[in-house]
Amino acid sequence: MPYADLSQTRLYYVIDGPESAPVVVLSNSLGTSADMWARQIPALTQHFRVLRYDTRGHGASSVPEGEYTFDQLSGDVVELLNTLDIPRAHFCGLSMGGTTGLALALAHPDRVGKLVLCNTGARLGTEASWQTRIDTVRQTGLNNMAAGIVDRWLTPAFRTREPGLTQVLIDILRRTNDTGYIGNCAALRDADLRAQMSEIVAPTLVIAGTHDVAATPAEGQAIHQAIAGSAYVEFDVSHLSNWEAADDFNRTVVEFLLKE
């Protein structure tokens, strides 16, 4: 498997698509992995070279001890791009991956082409809610929490219609390392980028889910209003818009990235 040994962690990554095409980086949500983008790969690779990676503490990437920050998470992306000799790339992240994209576009604007922010916010949750999540994972373990968490990610209608795809997400979450999950929860607990949103210069698309309680449409709208010239799209889904509305999601993202 391909790994990049960075200054603070080891990242697993996978690349699909034509070598000569523009690069799009996909960044996973909390508790998932690069596998969460499987439904996007056939559509995106028709036009782009797609780089997926497991965020530190997730999937096949290493699990550094302690709490993480979005300076570290966005820095991991820059180091990964450097390792692969990619000077600039489009970036698409969902939930925690979206916050990583915000931090990346703020700290390293020269490395970001276009920015797609999905089901995310500049300030997700509260310090208290994330600390409660951390304490619960320590006491209970993700394996016992996975089904309940996925219930929040998908609408009841989708879970009924697609029990197999729902189970795939539960299994991905069950395999996530508790220590890595907690480290990333700490990054979300401490992150508040609301005051900096207007500094983002990358052409930006914001995607929200009407029924998303983890990253509400209001939080997506706040990003849209803060970033000049950004576009906003809302799907009739919950938190994982790329999973629940894959066809609409793929079409919207491809059209945005291809638009001159």
C-alpha atoms as a PDB file:
ATOM      1  CA  MET A   1       0.000   0.000   0.000  1.00  0.00           C
ATOM      2  CA  PRO A   2       1.216   3.550  -0.662  1.00  0.00           C
ATOM      3  CA  TYR A   3       2.302   5.494   2.398  1.00  0.00           C
ATOM      4  CA  ALA A   4       3.825   8.926   2.869  1.00  0.00           C
ATOM      5  CA  ASP A   5       6.132   9.320   5.874  1.00  0.00           C
ATOM      6  CA  LEU A   6       5.626  12.901   7.011  1.00  0.00           C
ATOM      7  CA  SER A   7       7.252  14.874   9.808  1.00  0.00           C
ATOM      8  CA  GLN A   8       4.607  13.975  12.411  1.00  0.00           C
ATOM      9  CA  THR A   9       2.691  11.015  11.006  1.00  0.00           C
ATOM     10  CA  ARG A  10       2.454   8.376   8.315  1.00  0.00           C
ATOM     11  CA  LEU A  11      -0.432   8.781   5.884  1.00  0.00           C
ATOM     12  CA  TYR A  12      -2.000   6.120   3.731  1.00  0.00           C
ATOM     13  CA  TYR A  13      -3.074   7.477   0.349  1.00  0.00           C
ATOM     14  CA  VAL A  14      -4.442   6.218  -2.949  1.00  0.00           C
ATOM     15  CA  ILE A  15      -4.441   7.890  -6.382  1.00  0.00           C
ATOM     16  CA  ASP A  16      -6.827   7.202  -9.249  1.00  0.00           C
ATOM     17  CA  GLY A  17      -7.307   8.796 -12.641  1.00  0.00           C
ATOM     18  CA  PRO A  18      -5.172  10.038 -15.553  1.00  0.00           C
ATOM     19  CA  GLU A  19      -1.670  11.202 -14.639  1.00  0.00           C
ATOM     20  CA  SER A  20      -1.980  14.294 -16.834  1.00  0.00           C
ATOM     21  CA  ALA A  21      -5.280  15.493 -15.319  1.00  0.00           C
ATOM     22  CA  PRO A  22      -5.669  18.225 -12.650  1.00  0.00           C
ATOM     23  CA  VAL A  23      -5.444  16.860  -9.112  1.00  0.00           C
ATOM     24  CA  VAL A  24      -8.361  16.809  -6.671  1.00  0.00           C
ATOM     25  CA  VAL A  25      -7.676  15.942  -3.024  1.00  0.00           C
ATOM     26  CA  LEU A  26     -10.504  14.287  -1.058  1.00  0.00           C
ATOM     27  CA  SER A  27     -10.471  14.529   2.749  1.00  0.00           C
ATOM     28  CA  ASN A  28     -12.583  12.183   4.885  1.00  0.00           C
ATOM     29  CA  SER A  29     -15.023  12.928   7.666  1.00  0.00           C
ATOM     30  CA  LEU A  30     -14.490  12.087  11.330  1.00  0.00           C
ATOM     31  CA  GLY A  31     -14.549   8.334  11.905  1.00  0.00           C
ATOM     32  CA  THR A  32     -14.305   7.266   8.264  1.00  0.00           C
ATOM     33  CA  SER A  33     -11.451   6.861   5.795  1.00  0.00           C
ATOM     34  CA  ALA A  34     -10.567   7.352   2.133  1.00  0.00           C
ATOM     35  CA  ASP A  35     -13.128   4.609   1.431  1.00  0.00           C
ATOM     36  CA  MET A  36     -15.952   7.070   2.080  1.00  0.00           C
ATOM     37  CA  TRP A  37     -15.288   8.572  -1.368  1.00  0.00           C
ATOM     38  CA  ALA A  38     -15.779   5.311  -3.291  1.00  0.00           C
ATOM     39  CA  ARG A  39     -19.021   6.560  -4.853  1.00  0.00           C
ATOM     40  CA  GLN A  40     -17.210   9.608  -6.278  1.00  0.00           C
ATOM     41  CA  ILE A  41     -14.253   7.917  -7.948  1.00  0.00           C
ATOM     42  CA  PRO A  42     -15.893   6.729 -11.213  1.00  0.00           C
ATOM     43  CA  ALA A  43     -17.271  10.216 -11.924  1.00  0.00           C
ATOM     44  CA  LEU A  44     -14.279  12.273 -10.800  1.00  0.00           C
ATOM     45  CA  THR A  45     -11.655  10.184 -12.572  1.00  0.00           C
ATOM     46  CA  GLN A  46     -13.257  10.943 -15.918  1.00  0.00           C
ATOM     47  CA  HIS A  47     -11.824  14.460 -15.565  1.00  0.00           C
ATOM     48  CA  PHE A  48      -9.340  14.511 -12.669  1.00  0.00           C
ATOM     49  CA  ARG A  49      -6.504  12.698 -10.951  1.00  0.00           C
ATOM     50  CA  VAL A  50      -8.000  11.948  -7.543  1.00  0.00           C
ATOM     51  CA  LEU A  51      -5.857  11.789  -4.410  1.00  0.00           C
ATOM     52  CA  ARG A  52      -7.531  10.310  -1.346  1.00  0.00           C
ATOM     53  CA  TYR A  53      -5.863   9.858   2.022  1.00  0.00           C
ATOM     54  CA  ASP A  54      -6.750   8.620   5.490  1.00  0.00           C
ATOM     55  CA  THR A  55      -6.571  11.541   7.910  1.00  0.00           C
ATOM     56  CA  ARG A  56      -4.096  10.935  10.735  1.00  0.00           C
ATOM     57  CA  GLY A  57      -5.637   8.654  13.332  1.00  0.00           C
ATOM     58  CA  HIS A  58      -7.936   7.065  10.743  1.00  0.00           C
ATOM     59  CA  GLY A  59      -7.910   4.046   8.455  1.00  0.00           C
ATOM     60  CA  ALA A  60      -4.451   2.788   7.559  1.00  0.00           C
ATOM     61  CA  SER A  61      -2.665   5.992   8.589  1.00  0.00           C
ATOM     62  CA  SER A  62      -0.687   6.101  11.799  1.00  0.00           C
ATOM     63  CA  VAL A  63      -2.179   7.174  15.123  1.00  0.00           C
ATOM     64  CA  PRO A  64       0.020   9.758  16.852  1.00  0.00           C
ATOM     65  CA  GLU A  65      -0.557  10.034  20.581  1.00  0.00           C
ATOM     66  CA  GLY A  66      -2.252  13.075  22.064  1.00  0.00           C
ATOM     67  CA  GLU A  67      -4.643  15.687  20.761  1.00  0.00           C
ATOM     68  CA  TYR A  68      -4.498  17.035  17.215  1.00  0.00           C
ATOM     69  CA  THR A  69      -5.081  20.497  15.724  1.00  0.00           C
ATOM     70  CA  PHE A  70      -6.214  21.711  12.328  1.00  0.00           C
ATOM     71  CA  ASP A  71      -2.828  23.328  11.844  1.00  0.00           C
ATOM     72  CA  GLN A  72      -1.473  19.772  11.965  1.00  0.00           C
ATOM     73  CA  LEU A  73      -4.237  18.292   9.805  1.00  0.00           C
ATOM     74  CA  SER A  74      -3.851  20.930   7.089  1.00  0.00           C
ATOM     75  CA  GLY A  75      -0.072  20.695   7.409  1.00  0.00           C
ATOM     76  CA  ASP A  76      -0.320  16.969   6.728  1.00  0.00           C
ATOM     77  CA  VAL A  77      -2.015  17.778   3.411  1.00  0.00           C
ATOM     78  CA  VAL A  78       0.756  20.176   2.423  1.00  0.00           C
ATOM     79  CA  GLU A  79       3.436  17.612   3.303  1.00  0.00           C
ATOM     80  CA  LEU A  80       1.570  14.941   1.346  1.00  0.00           C
ATOM     81  CA  LEU A  81       1.397  17.221  -1.702  1.00  0.00           C
ATOM     82  CA  ASN A  82       5.104  17.974  -1.335  1.00  0.00           C
ATOM     83  CA  THR A  83       5.930  14.276  -1.099  1.00  0.00           C
ATOM     84  CA  LEU A  84       4.014  13.609  -4.318  1.00  0.00           C
ATOM     85  CA  ASP A  85       5.412  16.692  -6.110  1.00  0.00           C
ATOM     86  CA  ILE A  86       1.981  18.283  -6.491  1.00  0.00           C
ATOM     87  CA  PRO A  87       2.357  22.066  -6.327  1.00  0.00           C
ATOM     88  CA  ARG A  88      -1.351  22.898  -6.354  1.00  0.00           C
ATOM     89  CA  ALA A  89      -4.618  20.938  -6.207  1.00  0.00           C
ATOM     90  CA  HIS A  90      -8.346  21.332  -5.864  1.00  0.00           C
ATOM     91  CA  PHE A  91      -9.571  20.267  -2.431  1.00  0.00           C
ATOM     92  CA  CYS A  92     -12.854  18.643  -1.397  1.00  0.00           C
ATOM     93  CA  GLY A  93     -13.534  17.769   2.223  1.00  0.00           C
ATOM     94  CA  LEU A  94     -16.609  16.672   4.143  1.00  0.00           C
ATOM     95  CA  SER A  95     -17.360  17.493   7.781  1.00  0.00           C
ATOM     96  CA  MET A  96     -13.958  17.345   9.539  1.00  0.00           C
ATOM     97  CA  GLY A  97     -12.399  17.162   6.065  1.00  0.00           C
ATOM     98  CA  GLY A  98     -14.166  20.401   5.198  1.00  0.00           C
ATOM     99  CA  THR A  99     -12.718  22.132   8.249  1.00  0.00           C
ATOM    100  CA  THR A 100      -9.320  20.836   7.154  1.00  0.00           C
ATOM    101  CA  GLY A 101      -9.994  22.476   3.784  1.00  0.00           C
ATOM    102  CA  LEU A 102     -10.826  25.782   5.451  1.00  0.00           C
ATOM    103  CA  ALA A 103      -7.607  25.680   7.477  1.00  0.00           C
ATOM    104  CA  LEU A 104      -5.623  24.733   4.380  1.00  0.00           C
ATOM    105  CA  ALA A 105      -7.073  27.535   2.258  1.00  0.00           C
ATOM    106  CA  LEU A 106      -6.341  30.046   5.007  1.00  0.00           C
ATOM    107  CA  ALA A 107      -2.785  28.968   5.821  1.00  0.00           C
ATOM    108  CA  HIS A 108      -1.660  27.845   2.352  1.00  0.00           C
ATOM    109  CA  PRO A 109      -3.767  29.668  -0.264  1.00  0.00           C
ATOM    110  CA  ASP A 110      -1.132  29.079  -2.945  1.00  0.00           C
ATOM    111  CA  ARG A 111      -1.652  25.299  -2.707  1.00  0.00           C
ATOM    112  CA  VAL A 112      -5.424  25.345  -3.277  1.00  0.00           C
ATOM    113  CA  GLY A 113      -7.090  25.675  -6.672  1.00  0.00           C
ATOM    114  CA  LYS A 114     -10.822  25.368  -6.044  1.00  0.00           C
ATOM    115  CA  LEU A 115     -12.355  24.486  -2.690  1.00  0.00           C
ATOM    116  CA  VAL A 116     -15.399  22.273  -2.067  1.00  0.00           C
ATOM    117  CA  LEU A 117     -16.704  22.352   1.508  1.00  0.00           C
ATOM    118  CA  CYS A 118     -19.305  19.685   2.251  1.00  0.00           C
ATOM    119  CA  ASN A 119     -21.509  19.359   5.322  1.00  0.00           C
ATOM    120  CA  THR A 120     -19.134  21.348   7.443  1.00  0.00           C
ATOM    121  CA  GLY A 121     -18.767  24.521   9.445  1.00  0.00           C
ATOM    122  CA  ALA A 122     -16.201  27.025  10.598  1.00  0.00           C
ATOM    123  CA  ARG A 123     -17.214  26.074  14.137  1.00  0.00           C
ATOM    124  CA  LEU A 124     -18.794  22.633  14.488  1.00  0.00           C
ATOM    125  CA  GLY A 125     -20.439  21.819  17.786  1.00  0.00           C
ATOM    126  CA  THR A 126     -19.326  23.252  21.114  1.00  0.00           C
ATOM    127  CA  GLU A 127     -16.381  22.671  23.379  1.00  0.00           C
ATOM    128  CA  ALA A 128     -18.690  20.898  25.816  1.00  0.00           C
ATOM    129  CA  SER A 129     -20.282  18.631  23.186  1.00  0.00           C
ATOM    130  CA  TRP A 130     -16.916  17.505  21.850  1.00  0.00           C
ATOM    131  CA  GLN A 131     -15.564  16.882  25.336  1.00  0.00           C
ATOM    132  CA  THR A 132     -18.639  14.777  26.056  1.00  0.00           C
ATOM    133  CA  ARG A 133     -17.983  12.815  22.839  1.00  0.00           C
ATOM    134  CA  ILE A 134     -14.357  12.262  23.870  1.00  0.00           C
ATOM    135  CA  ASP A 135     -15.374  11.036  27.316  1.00  0.00           C
ATOM    136  CA  THR A 136     -18.027   8.714  25.845  1.00  0.00           C
ATOM    137  CA  VAL A 137     -15.583   7.132  23.394  1.00  0.00           C
ATOM    138  CA  ARG A 138     -13.129   6.539  26.225  1.00  0.00           C
ATOM    139  CA  GLN A 139     -15.819   4.834  28.281  1.00  0.00           C
ATOM    140  CA  THR A 140     -17.772   2.992  25.594  1.00  0.00           C
ATOM    141  CA  GLY A 141     -15.582   2.594  22.494  1.00  0.00           C
ATOM    142  CA  LEU A 142     -16.477   3.340  18.896  1.00  0.00           C
ATOM    143  CA  ASN A 143     -17.371  -0.268  18.184  1.00  0.00           C
ATOM    144  CA  ASN A 144     -20.397   0.095  20.472  1.00  0.00           C
ATOM    145  CA  MET A 145     -21.286   3.600  19.242  1.00  0.00           C
ATOM    146  CA  ALA A 146     -20.994   3.087  15.488  1.00  0.00           C
ATOM    147  CA  ALA A 147     -24.599   2.272  14.624  1.00  0.00           C
ATOM    148  CA  GLY A 148     -25.939   5.234  16.581  1.00  0.00           C
ATOM    149  CA  ILE A 149     -23.468   7.645  14.982  1.00  0.00           C
ATOM    150  CA  VAL A 150     -24.355   6.450  11.465  1.00  0.00           C
ATOM    151  CA  ASP A 151     -28.035   7.013  12.284  1.00  0.00           C
ATOM    152  CA  ARG A 152     -27.156  10.729  12.419  1.00  0.00           C
ATOM    153  CA  TRP A 153     -25.222  10.589   9.157  1.00  0.00           C
ATOM    154  CA  LEU A 154     -28.063   9.276   6.967  1.00  0.00           C
ATOM    155  CA  THR A 155     -31.783   9.941   6.741  1.00  0.00           C
ATOM    156  CA  PRO A 156     -34.141   7.178   7.894  1.00  0.00           C
ATOM    157  CA  ALA A 157     -35.411   6.784   4.318  1.00  0.00           C
ATOM    158  CA  PHE A 158     -31.922   6.100   2.991  1.00  0.00           C
ATOM    159  CA  ARG A 159     -31.089   3.667   5.786  1.00  0.00           C
ATOM    160  CA  THR A 160     -34.271   1.730   4.985  1.00  0.00           C
ATOM    161  CA  ARG A 161     -33.676   1.807   1.224  1.00  0.00           C
ATOM    162  CA  GLU A 162     -29.944   1.020   1.352  1.00  0.00           C
ATOM    163  CA  PRO A 163     -29.197  -1.194   4.377  1.00  0.00           C
ATOM    164  CA  GLY A 164     -26.053  -2.570   2.725  1.00  0.00           C
ATOM    165  CA  LEU A 165     -24.503   0.851   2.114  1.00  0.00           C
ATOM    166  CA  THR A 166     -25.475   1.846   5.642  1.00  0.00           C
ATOM    167  CA  GLN A 167     -23.677  -1.210   7.006  1.00  0.00           C
ATOM    168  CA  VAL A 168     -20.537  -0.316   5.041  1.00  0.00           C
ATOM    169  CA  LEU A 169     -20.354   2.981   6.947  1.00  0.00           C
ATOM    170  CA  ILE A 170     -20.954   1.288  10.295  1.00  0.00           C
ATOM    171  CA  ASP A 171     -18.110  -1.121   9.580  1.00  0.00           C
ATOM    172  CA  ILE A 172     -15.741   1.699   8.537  1.00  0.00           C
ATOM    173  CA  LEU A 173     -16.502   3.503  11.785  1.00  0.00           C
ATOM    174  CA  ARG A 174     -16.021   0.351  13.849  1.00  0.00           C
ATOM    175  CA  ARG A 175     -12.510  -0.021  12.426  1.00  0.00           C
ATOM    176  CA  THR A 176     -11.510   3.540  13.363  1.00  0.00           C
ATOM    177  CA  ASN A 177      -8.970   3.660  16.170  1.00  0.00           C
ATOM    178  CA  ASP A 178     -10.438   5.121  19.379  1.00  0.00           C
ATOM    179  CA  THR A 179      -7.257   7.071  20.143  1.00  0.00           C
ATOM    180  CA  GLY A 180      -7.139   8.577  16.662  1.00  0.00           C
ATOM    181  CA  TYR A 181     -10.817   9.455  16.804  1.00  0.00           C
ATOM    182  CA  ILE A 182     -10.353  11.201  20.138  1.00  0.00           C
ATOM    183  CA  GLY A 183      -7.332  13.116  18.838  1.00  0.00           C
ATOM    184  CA  ASN A 184      -9.422  14.468  15.960  1.00  0.00           C
ATOM    185  CA  CYS A 185     -12.372  15.238  18.244  1.00  0.00           C
ATOM    186  CA  ALA A 186      -9.980  17.481  20.164  1.00  0.00           C
ATOM    187  CA  ALA A 187      -9.122  19.345  16.958  1.00  0.00           C
ATOM    188  CA  LEU A 188     -12.835  19.925  16.326  1.00  0.00           C
ATOM    189  CA  ARG A 189     -13.393  20.923  19.954  1.00  0.00           C
ATOM    190  CA  ASP A 190     -10.750  23.640  19.731  1.00  0.00           C
ATOM    191  CA  ALA A 191     -11.321  24.942  16.187  1.00  0.00           C
ATOM    192  CA  ASP A 192     -13.159  28.184  15.483  1.00  0.00           C
ATOM    193  CA  LEU A 193     -12.394  29.701  12.085  1.00  0.00           C
ATOM    194  CA  ARG A 194     -15.455  31.946  11.813  1.00  0.00           C
ATOM    195  CA  ALA A 195     -13.552  35.219  12.105  1.00  0.00           C
ATOM    196  CA  GLN A 196     -11.208  34.251   9.244  1.00  0.00           C
ATOM    197  CA  MET A 197     -13.665  33.019   6.619  1.00  0.00           C
ATOM    198  CA  SER A 198     -13.688  36.269   4.641  1.00  0.00           C
ATOM    199  CA  GLU A 199      -9.929  35.860   4.016  1.00  0.00           C
ATOM    200  CA  ILE A 200     -10.422  32.815   1.775  1.00  0.00           C
ATOM    201  CA  VAL A 201      -9.701  33.636  -1.873  1.00  0.00           C
ATOM    202  CA  ALA A 202     -10.121  30.215  -3.514  1.00  0.00           C
ATOM    203  CA  PRO A 203     -13.248  29.772  -5.651  1.00  0.00           C
ATOM    204  CA  THR A 204     -15.508  27.901  -3.255  1.00  0.00           C
ATOM    205  CA  LEU A 205     -18.541  25.626  -3.414  1.00  0.00           C
ATOM    206  CA  VAL A 206     -20.432  24.947  -0.189  1.00  0.00           C
ATOM    207  CA  ILE A 207     -22.649  21.839  -0.013  1.00  0.00           C
ATOM    208  CA  ALA A 208     -25.133  21.256   2.807  1.00  0.00           C
ATOM    209  CA  GLY A 209     -27.801  18.708   3.725  1.00  0.00           C
ATOM    210  CA  THR A 210     -31.301  19.848   4.615  1.00  0.00           C
ATOM    211  CA  HIS A 211     -31.608  17.250   7.394  1.00  0.00           C
ATOM    212  CA  ASP A 212     -28.031  17.457   8.666  1.00  0.00           C
ATOM    213  CA  VAL A 213     -27.901  17.941  12.436  1.00  0.00           C
ATOM    214  CA  ALA A 214     -24.114  17.536  12.681  1.00  0.00           C
ATOM    215  CA  ALA A 215     -23.319  20.420  10.301  1.00  0.00           C
ATOM    216  CA  THR A 216     -26.556  22.266   9.747  1.00  0.00           C
ATOM    217  CA  PRO A 217     -27.546  24.192   6.601  1.00  0.00           C
ATOM    218  CA  ALA A 218     -27.231  27.367   8.687  1.00  0.00           C
ATOM    219  CA  GLU A 219     -23.549  26.603   9.215  1.00  0.00           C
ATOM    220  CA  GLY A 220     -23.074  26.036   5.497  1.00  0.00           C
ATOM    221  CA  GLN A 221     -24.896  29.275   4.732  1.00  0.00           C
ATOM    222  CA  ALA A 222     -22.633  31.131   7.156  1.00  0.00           C
ATOM    223  CA  ILE A 223     -19.567  29.957   5.230  1.00  0.00           C
ATOM    224  CA  HIS A 224     -21.219  30.852   1.923  1.00  0.00           C
ATOM    225  CA  GLN A 225     -22.037  34.356   3.126  1.00  0.00           C
ATOM    226  CA  ALA A 226     -18.539  34.904   4.489  1.00  0.00           C
ATOM    227  CA  ILE A 227     -16.595  33.777   1.386  1.00  0.00           C
ATOM    228  CA  ALA A 228     -17.004  36.257  -1.441  1.00  0.00           C
ATOM    229  CA  GLY A 229     -18.255  34.771  -4.699  1.00  0.00           C
ATOM    230  CA  SER A 230     -18.878  31.312  -3.249  1.00  0.00           C
ATOM    231  CA  ALA A 231     -21.669  29.043  -4.475  1.00  0.00           C
ATOM    232  CA  TYR A 232     -24.128  27.182  -2.239  1.00  0.00           C
ATOM    233  CA  VAL A 233     -26.029  23.952  -2.922  1.00  0.00           C
ATOM    234  CA  GLU A 234     -28.329  22.101  -0.536  1.00  0.00           C
ATOM    235  CA  PHE A 235     -29.418  18.500  -0.997  1.00  0.00           C
ATOM    236  CA  ASP A 236     -32.406  16.752   0.622  1.00  0.00           C
ATOM    237  CA  VAL A 237     -30.130  14.524   2.721  1.00  0.00           C
ATOM    238  CA  SER A 238     -28.455  14.311   6.102  1.00  0.00           C
ATOM    239  CA  HIS A 239     -24.724  14.515   6.909  1.00  0.00           C
ATOM    240  CA  LEU A 240     -23.011  12.368   4.265  1.00  0.00           C
ATOM    241  CA  SER A 241     -24.276  14.123   1.144  1.00  0.00           C
ATOM    242  CA  ASN A 242     -21.678  12.370  -1.040  1.00  0.00           C
ATOM    243  CA  TRP A 243     -23.019   8.976   0.046  1.00  0.00           C
ATOM    244  CA  GLU A 244     -26.751   9.650   0.178  1.00  0.00           C
ATOM    245  CA  ALA A 245     -27.057  11.794  -2.970  1.00  0.00           C
ATOM    246  CA  ALA A 246     -24.038  10.459  -4.860  1.00  0.00           C
ATOM    247  CA  ASP A 247     -25.234  11.211  -8.400  1.00  0.00           C
ATOM    248  CA  ASP A 248     -26.312  14.783  -7.645  1.00  0.00           C
ATOM    249  CA  PHE A 249     -23.199  15.338  -5.552  1.00  0.00           C
ATOM    250  CA  ASN A 250     -20.888  14.067  -8.287  1.00  0.00           C
ATOM    251  CA  ARG A 251     -22.538  16.122 -11.005  1.00  0.00           C
ATOM    252  CA  THR A 252     -22.463  19.293  -8.899  1.00  0.00           C
ATOM    253  CA  VAL A 253     -18.815  18.919  -7.886  1.00  0.00           C
ATOM    254  CA  VAL A 254     -17.603  18.031 -11.403  1.00  0.00           C
ATOM    255  CA  GLU A 255     -19.457  20.975 -12.935  1.00  0.00           C
ATOM    256  CA  PHE A 256     -17.999  23.348 -10.365  1.00  0.00           C
ATOM    257  CA  LEU A 257     -14.443  22.102 -10.762  1.00  0.00           C
ATOM    258  CA  LEU A 258     -14.620  22.203 -14.569  1.00  0.00           C
ATOM    259  CA  LYS A 259     -16.180  25.651 -14.769  1.00  0.00           C
ATOM    260  CA  GLU A 260     -13.811  28.291 -16.106  1.00  0.00           C
END
